[in-house]
């Protein structure tokens, strides 16, 4: 039996007694839990460095063998997979119940385009993106480490030296992202991976948008309806909360960085 808590804001379920905030939207989770029977993993591997596969997970996607789960979100699941050569990479799969949503498939295409534009070593490298067919997914470089959210949950707030080191890395990340003409729009601790040396890497560009729409393939730009909120409320700037896409610029990411460091 696994204790499951449901976010009152977005409905995302969290299978953890230790996590205090929703990994999807940042809302504080309720104290009470509801017991549920968790799906069993496909093949037990006690020494696996990632979470086991669930019985509902596929074991193979095209030429990729799924080895374990790296994380989950509102729209997709990220897996550790082995390619045809045996190399480990990460695969972000759109949830099966959402796979017919053309808007979400465009998000995957936009995420790939955003990551391809960003240079430097503070993000991940894109390997492939598939948005047509039965399954929509993104294949990218696999980085080892834990999210900043998990690091703080396990070890508490970063001390001065580590905080300064993380801040420098995140400033460099935003410099590279913005120099590429990209606005992340969803910078938060759960989208920041901290590697073994403590260096941060910005992940999940699913809500990214171009600084200048004319520089991107128009078919990959999501038309945000006026008044529609996109992002994570706990780290959202006032202009992001307003839902006015014309007010959003790189300062939205800078605001989120300030909240994270605070």
C-alpha atoms as a PDB file:
ATOM      1  CA  UNK A   1       0.000   0.000   0.000  1.00  0.00           C
ATOM      2  CA  UNK A   2       1.237   3.486  -0.873  1.00  0.00           C
ATOM      3  CA  UNK A   3      -0.015   6.730   0.664  1.00  0.00           C
ATOM      4  CA  UNK A   4      -1.323   9.062  -2.022  1.00  0.00           C
ATOM      5  CA  UNK A   5      -2.074  12.757  -1.614  1.00  0.00           C
ATOM      6  CA  UNK A   6      -4.091  14.662  -4.193  1.00  0.00           C
ATOM      7  CA  UNK A   7      -3.316  18.314  -4.937  1.00  0.00           C
ATOM      8  CA  UNK A   8      -6.344  20.513  -4.240  1.00  0.00           C
ATOM      9  CA  UNK A   9      -5.296  22.946  -6.990  1.00  0.00           C
ATOM     10  CA  UNK A  10      -4.512  20.799 -10.044  1.00  0.00           C
ATOM     11  CA  UNK A  11      -5.536  17.274  -8.986  1.00  0.00           C
ATOM     12  CA  UNK A  12      -2.093  15.709  -9.461  1.00  0.00           C
ATOM     13  CA  UNK A  13      -1.563  12.667  -7.216  1.00  0.00           C
ATOM     14  CA  UNK A  14       1.703  12.296  -5.277  1.00  0.00           C
ATOM     15  CA  UNK A  15       2.799   8.873  -4.046  1.00  0.00           C
ATOM     16  CA  UNK A  16       4.998  10.118  -1.190  1.00  0.00           C
ATOM     17  CA  UNK A  17       4.667  10.760   2.525  1.00  0.00           C
ATOM     18  CA  UNK A  18       7.646  13.130   2.538  1.00  0.00           C
ATOM     19  CA  UNK A  19       6.925  15.604  -0.269  1.00  0.00           C
ATOM     20  CA  UNK A  20       5.204  18.747   1.018  1.00  0.00           C
ATOM     21  CA  UNK A  21       4.383  20.496  -2.238  1.00  0.00           C
ATOM     22  CA  UNK A  22       2.745  19.380  -5.479  1.00  0.00           C
ATOM     23  CA  UNK A  23       5.424  18.608  -8.079  1.00  0.00           C
ATOM     24  CA  UNK A  24       3.145  19.854 -10.866  1.00  0.00           C
ATOM     25  CA  UNK A  25       1.959  23.251  -9.595  1.00  0.00           C
ATOM     26  CA  UNK A  26       3.783  23.940  -6.294  1.00  0.00           C
ATOM     27  CA  UNK A  27       0.649  24.034  -4.116  1.00  0.00           C
ATOM     28  CA  UNK A  28       1.053  22.803  -0.527  1.00  0.00           C
ATOM     29  CA  UNK A  29      -0.209  19.215  -0.269  1.00  0.00           C
ATOM     30  CA  UNK A  30      -2.843  18.228   2.306  1.00  0.00           C
ATOM     31  CA  UNK A  31      -1.684  16.438   5.455  1.00  0.00           C
ATOM     32  CA  UNK A  32      -4.176  13.604   5.077  1.00  0.00           C
ATOM     33  CA  UNK A  33      -3.480  10.692   2.750  1.00  0.00           C
ATOM     34  CA  UNK A  34      -5.581   8.069   1.060  1.00  0.00           C
ATOM     35  CA  UNK A  35      -4.235   4.521   0.812  1.00  0.00           C
ATOM     36  CA  UNK A  36      -4.105   2.946  -2.592  1.00  0.00           C
ATOM     37  CA  UNK A  37      -2.583  -0.146  -4.098  1.00  0.00           C
ATOM     38  CA  UNK A  38       0.337   0.886  -6.267  1.00  0.00           C
ATOM     39  CA  UNK A  39       0.850  -0.861  -9.606  1.00  0.00           C
ATOM     40  CA  UNK A  40       3.692  -3.317  -9.444  1.00  0.00           C
ATOM     41  CA  UNK A  41       6.938  -2.792 -11.298  1.00  0.00           C
ATOM     42  CA  UNK A  42       7.651  -4.771 -14.435  1.00  0.00           C
ATOM     43  CA  UNK A  43      10.932  -6.372 -13.459  1.00  0.00           C
ATOM     44  CA  UNK A  44      12.426  -5.908  -9.983  1.00  0.00           C
ATOM     45  CA  UNK A  45      15.931  -4.511  -9.945  1.00  0.00           C
ATOM     46  CA  UNK A  46      16.903  -3.650  -6.402  1.00  0.00           C
ATOM     47  CA  UNK A  47      20.092  -1.835  -7.411  1.00  0.00           C
ATOM     48  CA  UNK A  48      18.435   0.417  -9.999  1.00  0.00           C
ATOM     49  CA  UNK A  49      19.360   4.109  -9.525  1.00  0.00           C
ATOM     50  CA  UNK A  50      15.880   5.241 -10.654  1.00  0.00           C
ATOM     51  CA  UNK A  51      12.302   4.441  -9.794  1.00  0.00           C
ATOM     52  CA  UNK A  52      10.954   1.068 -10.985  1.00  0.00           C
ATOM     53  CA  UNK A  53       8.593   0.740 -13.908  1.00  0.00           C
ATOM     54  CA  UNK A  54       4.921   0.282 -13.087  1.00  0.00           C
ATOM     55  CA  UNK A  55       2.838  -2.535 -14.516  1.00  0.00           C
ATOM     56  CA  UNK A  56       1.020   0.065 -16.644  1.00  0.00           C
ATOM     57  CA  UNK A  57       4.284   1.299 -18.235  1.00  0.00           C
ATOM     58  CA  UNK A  58       5.436   0.088 -21.641  1.00  0.00           C
ATOM     59  CA  UNK A  59       8.701  -1.842 -21.723  1.00  0.00           C
ATOM     60  CA  UNK A  60       9.687  -0.847 -25.268  1.00  0.00           C
ATOM     61  CA  UNK A  61       9.050   2.280 -27.348  1.00  0.00           C
ATOM     62  CA  UNK A  62      10.268   1.979 -30.918  1.00  0.00           C
ATOM     63  CA  UNK A  63      13.997   1.295 -30.592  1.00  0.00           C
ATOM     64  CA  UNK A  64      14.240   2.232 -26.910  1.00  0.00           C
ATOM     65  CA  UNK A  65      14.070  -0.215 -23.969  1.00  0.00           C
ATOM     66  CA  UNK A  66      12.593   1.328 -20.827  1.00  0.00           C
ATOM     67  CA  UNK A  67      14.734   0.741 -17.731  1.00  0.00           C
ATOM     68  CA  UNK A  68      13.009   2.851 -15.077  1.00  0.00           C
ATOM     69  CA  UNK A  69      11.142   6.023 -14.213  1.00  0.00           C
ATOM     70  CA  UNK A  70      12.928   9.329 -13.685  1.00  0.00           C
ATOM     71  CA  UNK A  71       9.928  11.520 -12.907  1.00  0.00           C
ATOM     72  CA  UNK A  72       6.305  12.333 -13.625  1.00  0.00           C
ATOM     73  CA  UNK A  73       4.348  15.457 -14.452  1.00  0.00           C
ATOM     74  CA  UNK A  74       0.833  16.521 -15.319  1.00  0.00           C
ATOM     75  CA  UNK A  75       1.246  15.688 -19.014  1.00  0.00           C
ATOM     76  CA  UNK A  76       4.031  13.138 -19.265  1.00  0.00           C
ATOM     77  CA  UNK A  77       6.375  10.598 -17.715  1.00  0.00           C
ATOM     78  CA  UNK A  78      10.162  10.709 -18.066  1.00  0.00           C
ATOM     79  CA  UNK A  79      11.935   7.350 -18.331  1.00  0.00           C
ATOM     80  CA  UNK A  80      15.523   6.176 -18.294  1.00  0.00           C
ATOM     81  CA  UNK A  81      15.899   4.135 -21.494  1.00  0.00           C
ATOM     82  CA  UNK A  82      18.565   2.271 -23.439  1.00  0.00           C
ATOM     83  CA  UNK A  83      18.916   2.924 -27.155  1.00  0.00           C
ATOM     84  CA  UNK A  84      19.892   0.370 -29.826  1.00  0.00           C
ATOM     85  CA  UNK A  85      23.584   0.813 -28.953  1.00  0.00           C
ATOM     86  CA  UNK A  86      22.967   0.309 -25.237  1.00  0.00           C
ATOM     87  CA  UNK A  87      23.548   3.962 -24.371  1.00  0.00           C
ATOM     88  CA  UNK A  88      21.406   5.435 -21.599  1.00  0.00           C
ATOM     89  CA  UNK A  89      19.219   8.403 -22.516  1.00  0.00           C
ATOM     90  CA  UNK A  90      16.057  10.002 -21.157  1.00  0.00           C
ATOM     91  CA  UNK A  91      12.673   9.693 -22.871  1.00  0.00           C
ATOM     92  CA  UNK A  92       9.731  11.978 -22.077  1.00  0.00           C
ATOM     93  CA  UNK A  93       6.476  10.284 -23.087  1.00  0.00           C
ATOM     94  CA  UNK A  94       3.147  12.060 -23.374  1.00  0.00           C
ATOM     95  CA  UNK A  95       0.620  10.276 -21.161  1.00  0.00           C
ATOM     96  CA  UNK A  96      -1.478   7.768 -23.178  1.00  0.00           C
ATOM     97  CA  UNK A  97      -4.766   9.396 -22.138  1.00  0.00           C
ATOM     98  CA  UNK A  98      -3.471  12.716 -23.533  1.00  0.00           C
ATOM     99  CA  UNK A  99      -1.752  11.420 -26.663  1.00  0.00           C
ATOM    100  CA  UNK A 100      -4.559  12.589 -28.959  1.00  0.00           C
ATOM    101  CA  UNK A 101      -4.219  16.194 -27.791  1.00  0.00           C
ATOM    102  CA  UNK A 102      -2.623  18.034 -30.719  1.00  0.00           C
ATOM    103  CA  UNK A 103      -1.843  21.013 -28.524  1.00  0.00           C
ATOM    104  CA  UNK A 104       0.281  18.883 -26.193  1.00  0.00           C
ATOM    105  CA  UNK A 105       2.046  17.296 -29.133  1.00  0.00           C
ATOM    106  CA  UNK A 106       2.947  20.796 -30.333  1.00  0.00           C
ATOM    107  CA  UNK A 107       4.340  21.485 -26.883  1.00  0.00           C
ATOM    108  CA  UNK A 108       6.759  18.582 -27.319  1.00  0.00           C
ATOM    109  CA  UNK A 109       7.853  19.956 -30.691  1.00  0.00           C
ATOM    110  CA  UNK A 110       8.296  23.417 -29.188  1.00  0.00           C
ATOM    111  CA  UNK A 111      10.269  22.004 -26.248  1.00  0.00           C
ATOM    112  CA  UNK A 112      12.647  20.272 -28.657  1.00  0.00           C
ATOM    113  CA  UNK A 113      13.079  23.439 -30.718  1.00  0.00           C
ATOM    114  CA  UNK A 114      13.771  25.513 -27.607  1.00  0.00           C
ATOM    115  CA  UNK A 115      16.407  23.095 -26.303  1.00  0.00           C
ATOM    116  CA  UNK A 116      18.111  22.857 -29.692  1.00  0.00           C
ATOM    117  CA  UNK A 117      18.507  26.637 -29.724  1.00  0.00           C
ATOM    118  CA  UNK A 118      20.107  26.881 -26.266  1.00  0.00           C
ATOM    119  CA  UNK A 119      23.885  26.496 -26.095  1.00  0.00           C
ATOM    120  CA  UNK A 120      26.013  25.798 -23.031  1.00  0.00           C
ATOM    121  CA  UNK A 121      25.971  22.992 -20.484  1.00  0.00           C
ATOM    122  CA  UNK A 122      23.182  24.203 -18.180  1.00  0.00           C
ATOM    123  CA  UNK A 123      20.392  22.416 -20.065  1.00  0.00           C
ATOM    124  CA  UNK A 124      20.082  18.995 -21.737  1.00  0.00           C
ATOM    125  CA  UNK A 125      20.847  18.043 -25.330  1.00  0.00           C
ATOM    126  CA  UNK A 126      18.014  16.914 -27.590  1.00  0.00           C
ATOM    127  CA  UNK A 127      18.445  13.631 -29.470  1.00  0.00           C
ATOM    128  CA  UNK A 128      15.075  13.114 -31.147  1.00  0.00           C
ATOM    129  CA  UNK A 129      11.422  14.165 -31.044  1.00  0.00           C
ATOM    130  CA  UNK A 130       8.443  12.158 -32.314  1.00  0.00           C
ATOM    131  CA  UNK A 131       5.090  13.924 -32.511  1.00  0.00           C
ATOM    132  CA  UNK A 132       3.343  11.754 -35.107  1.00  0.00           C
ATOM    133  CA  UNK A 133       2.069   8.215 -34.615  1.00  0.00           C
ATOM    134  CA  UNK A 134       0.500   6.436 -31.653  1.00  0.00           C
ATOM    135  CA  UNK A 135       3.036   7.741 -29.137  1.00  0.00           C
ATOM    136  CA  UNK A 136       4.489  11.222 -28.826  1.00  0.00           C
ATOM    137  CA  UNK A 137       7.846  11.511 -27.078  1.00  0.00           C
ATOM    138  CA  UNK A 138      11.079  13.426 -26.707  1.00  0.00           C
ATOM    139  CA  UNK A 139      14.513  11.778 -26.393  1.00  0.00           C
ATOM    140  CA  UNK A 140      17.278  13.701 -24.674  1.00  0.00           C
ATOM    141  CA  UNK A 141      20.552  13.452 -22.829  1.00  0.00           C
ATOM    142  CA  UNK A 142      20.328  11.645 -19.488  1.00  0.00           C
ATOM    143  CA  UNK A 143      21.838  13.623 -16.621  1.00  0.00           C
ATOM    144  CA  UNK A 144      22.435  11.980 -13.261  1.00  0.00           C
ATOM    145  CA  UNK A 145      21.412  13.804 -10.119  1.00  0.00           C
ATOM    146  CA  UNK A 146      18.316  14.915  -8.231  1.00  0.00           C
ATOM    147  CA  UNK A 147      15.969  17.849  -8.587  1.00  0.00           C
ATOM    148  CA  UNK A 148      16.573  20.917  -6.464  1.00  0.00           C
ATOM    149  CA  UNK A 149      13.147  20.265  -4.959  1.00  0.00           C
ATOM    150  CA  UNK A 150      14.191  16.770  -3.795  1.00  0.00           C
ATOM    151  CA  UNK A 151      17.563  18.071  -2.576  1.00  0.00           C
ATOM    152  CA  UNK A 152      15.904  20.654  -0.341  1.00  0.00           C
ATOM    153  CA  UNK A 153      13.290  18.135   0.856  1.00  0.00           C
ATOM    154  CA  UNK A 154      16.048  15.675   1.848  1.00  0.00           C
ATOM    155  CA  UNK A 155      18.732  18.031   3.170  1.00  0.00           C
ATOM    156  CA  UNK A 156      16.971  21.294   3.977  1.00  0.00           C
ATOM    157  CA  UNK A 157      17.663  24.768   2.532  1.00  0.00           C
ATOM    158  CA  UNK A 158      21.026  25.239   0.823  1.00  0.00           C
ATOM    159  CA  UNK A 159      23.682  26.835   2.987  1.00  0.00           C
ATOM    160  CA  UNK A 160      25.420  30.042   1.906  1.00  0.00           C
ATOM    161  CA  UNK A 161      28.233  28.484  -0.131  1.00  0.00           C
ATOM    162  CA  UNK A 162      26.038  26.000  -1.986  1.00  0.00           C
ATOM    163  CA  UNK A 163      23.333  28.616  -2.487  1.00  0.00           C
ATOM    164  CA  UNK A 164      25.806  30.994  -4.115  1.00  0.00           C
ATOM    165  CA  UNK A 165      27.153  28.197  -6.323  1.00  0.00           C
ATOM    166  CA  UNK A 166      23.625  27.242  -7.395  1.00  0.00           C
ATOM    167  CA  UNK A 167      22.714  30.883  -8.003  1.00  0.00           C
ATOM    168  CA  UNK A 168      25.727  31.367 -10.280  1.00  0.00           C
ATOM    169  CA  UNK A 169      24.801  28.264 -12.262  1.00  0.00           C
ATOM    170  CA  UNK A 170      21.176  29.317 -12.653  1.00  0.00           C
ATOM    171  CA  UNK A 171      22.178  32.829 -13.718  1.00  0.00           C
ATOM    172  CA  UNK A 172      24.405  31.258 -16.378  1.00  0.00           C
ATOM    173  CA  UNK A 173      21.521  29.017 -17.454  1.00  0.00           C
ATOM    174  CA  UNK A 174      19.138  31.940 -17.888  1.00  0.00           C
ATOM    175  CA  UNK A 175      21.832  33.889 -19.720  1.00  0.00           C
ATOM    176  CA  UNK A 176      22.168  31.045 -22.259  1.00  0.00           C
ATOM    177  CA  UNK A 177      18.405  30.493 -22.503  1.00  0.00           C
ATOM    178  CA  UNK A 178      17.596  34.152 -23.060  1.00  0.00           C
ATOM    179  CA  UNK A 179      20.522  34.619 -25.456  1.00  0.00           C
ATOM    180  CA  UNK A 180      18.913  31.880 -27.580  1.00  0.00           C
ATOM    181  CA  UNK A 181      15.698  33.896 -27.728  1.00  0.00           C
ATOM    182  CA  UNK A 182      13.805  31.578 -25.372  1.00  0.00           C
ATOM    183  CA  UNK A 183      11.634  32.304 -22.326  1.00  0.00           C
ATOM    184  CA  UNK A 184      11.305  29.251 -20.055  1.00  0.00           C
ATOM    185  CA  UNK A 185       8.065  30.328 -18.279  1.00  0.00           C
ATOM    186  CA  UNK A 186       8.134  27.498 -15.713  1.00  0.00           C
ATOM    187  CA  UNK A 187      11.375  27.831 -13.774  1.00  0.00           C
ATOM    188  CA  UNK A 188      10.956  26.082 -10.398  1.00  0.00           C
ATOM    189  CA  UNK A 189      12.947  23.718  -8.124  1.00  0.00           C
ATOM    190  CA  UNK A 190      11.311  20.624  -9.632  1.00  0.00           C
ATOM    191  CA  UNK A 191      12.579  21.682 -13.095  1.00  0.00           C
ATOM    192  CA  UNK A 192      16.174  22.113 -11.924  1.00  0.00           C
ATOM    193  CA  UNK A 193      18.459  19.075 -11.755  1.00  0.00           C
ATOM    194  CA  UNK A 194      21.484  19.228  -9.463  1.00  0.00           C
ATOM    195  CA  UNK A 195      24.306  16.931 -10.562  1.00  0.00           C
ATOM    196  CA  UNK A 196      26.833  15.096  -8.387  1.00  0.00           C
ATOM    197  CA  UNK A 197      29.075  18.182  -8.266  1.00  0.00           C
ATOM    198  CA  UNK A 198      26.229  20.461  -7.210  1.00  0.00           C
ATOM    199  CA  UNK A 199      25.897  22.195 -10.587  1.00  0.00           C
ATOM    200  CA  UNK A 200      22.320  23.044 -11.636  1.00  0.00           C
ATOM    201  CA  UNK A 201      20.751  22.240 -15.010  1.00  0.00           C
ATOM    202  CA  UNK A 202      17.408  23.644 -16.184  1.00  0.00           C
ATOM    203  CA  UNK A 203      14.931  21.045 -17.458  1.00  0.00           C
ATOM    204  CA  UNK A 204      11.399  20.857 -18.891  1.00  0.00           C
ATOM    205  CA  UNK A 205      10.915  23.463 -21.615  1.00  0.00           C
ATOM    206  CA  UNK A 206       7.342  22.330 -22.247  1.00  0.00           C
ATOM    207  CA  UNK A 207       5.966  25.844 -21.632  1.00  0.00           C
ATOM    208  CA  UNK A 208       8.837  27.711 -23.282  1.00  0.00           C
ATOM    209  CA  UNK A 209       8.030  30.449 -25.768  1.00  0.00           C
ATOM    210  CA  UNK A 210      10.173  32.535 -28.114  1.00  0.00           C
ATOM    211  CA  UNK A 211      11.137  36.085 -27.295  1.00  0.00           C
ATOM    212  CA  UNK A 212      10.320  36.861 -30.935  1.00  0.00           C
ATOM    213  CA  UNK A 213       7.567  34.689 -32.444  1.00  0.00           C
ATOM    214  CA  UNK A 214       8.760  35.406 -35.970  1.00  0.00           C
ATOM    215  CA  UNK A 215      12.000  33.473 -35.367  1.00  0.00           C
ATOM    216  CA  UNK A 216      10.238  30.163 -34.693  1.00  0.00           C
ATOM    217  CA  UNK A 217       8.253  27.795 -36.870  1.00  0.00           C
ATOM    218  CA  UNK A 218       4.738  29.192 -36.427  1.00  0.00           C
ATOM    219  CA  UNK A 219       3.264  25.666 -36.258  1.00  0.00           C
ATOM    220  CA  UNK A 220       5.198  25.084 -33.041  1.00  0.00           C
ATOM    221  CA  UNK A 221       4.122  28.265 -31.283  1.00  0.00           C
ATOM    222  CA  UNK A 222       1.237  27.802 -28.914  1.00  0.00           C
ATOM    223  CA  UNK A 223      -1.416  30.503 -29.102  1.00  0.00           C
ATOM    224  CA  UNK A 224      -2.062  31.407 -25.476  1.00  0.00           C
ATOM    225  CA  UNK A 225      -5.587  32.667 -24.957  1.00  0.00           C
ATOM    226  CA  UNK A 226      -5.830  35.999 -23.157  1.00  0.00           C
ATOM    227  CA  UNK A 227      -6.531  35.339 -19.489  1.00  0.00           C
ATOM    228  CA  UNK A 228      -5.138  31.783 -19.607  1.00  0.00           C
ATOM    229  CA  UNK A 229      -2.566  31.009 -16.900  1.00  0.00           C
ATOM    230  CA  UNK A 230       0.375  28.803 -17.855  1.00  0.00           C
ATOM    231  CA  UNK A 231       3.109  27.935 -15.380  1.00  0.00           C
ATOM    232  CA  UNK A 232       3.395  27.144 -11.670  1.00  0.00           C
ATOM    233  CA  UNK A 233       1.595  29.630  -9.474  1.00  0.00           C
ATOM    234  CA  UNK A 234       4.080  29.517  -6.566  1.00  0.00           C
ATOM    235  CA  UNK A 235       6.875  30.829  -8.845  1.00  0.00           C
ATOM    236  CA  UNK A 236       4.832  32.875 -11.314  1.00  0.00           C
ATOM    237  CA  UNK A 237       5.468  36.556 -11.960  1.00  0.00           C
ATOM    238  CA  UNK A 238       2.536  39.020 -11.904  1.00  0.00           C
ATOM    239  CA  UNK A 239       2.466  39.244 -15.698  1.00  0.00           C
ATOM    240  CA  UNK A 240       2.386  35.443 -15.981  1.00  0.00           C
ATOM    241  CA  UNK A 241      -0.520  35.263 -13.536  1.00  0.00           C
ATOM    242  CA  UNK A 242      -2.361  37.926 -15.523  1.00  0.00           C
ATOM    243  CA  UNK A 243      -2.569  35.559 -18.497  1.00  0.00           C
ATOM    244  CA  UNK A 244      -1.656  38.299 -20.958  1.00  0.00           C
ATOM    245  CA  UNK A 245       0.946  36.743 -23.319  1.00  0.00           C
ATOM    246  CA  UNK A 246       1.992  40.168 -24.611  1.00  0.00           C
ATOM    247  CA  UNK A 247       3.280  41.159 -21.158  1.00  0.00           C
ATOM    248  CA  UNK A 248       5.553  38.129 -20.756  1.00  0.00           C
ATOM    249  CA  UNK A 249       9.256  38.544 -21.433  1.00  0.00           C
ATOM    250  CA  UNK A 250      12.585  37.328 -20.008  1.00  0.00           C
ATOM    251  CA  UNK A 251      11.884  39.119 -16.723  1.00  0.00           C
ATOM    252  CA  UNK A 252       9.321  36.408 -15.980  1.00  0.00           C
ATOM    253  CA  UNK A 253      12.188  33.907 -15.604  1.00  0.00           C
ATOM    254  CA  UNK A 254      14.229  36.361 -13.518  1.00  0.00           C
ATOM    255  CA  UNK A 255      11.279  36.760 -11.134  1.00  0.00           C
ATOM    256  CA  UNK A 256      11.031  32.953 -10.762  1.00  0.00           C
ATOM    257  CA  UNK A 257      14.767  32.743 -10.061  1.00  0.00           C
ATOM    258  CA  UNK A 258      14.400  35.311  -7.293  1.00  0.00           C
ATOM    259  CA  UNK A 259      11.591  33.283  -5.679  1.00  0.00           C
ATOM    260  CA  UNK A 260      13.652  30.092  -5.886  1.00  0.00           C
ATOM    261  CA  UNK A 261      16.702  31.666  -4.254  1.00  0.00           C
ATOM    262  CA  UNK A 262      14.555  33.293  -1.558  1.00  0.00           C
END
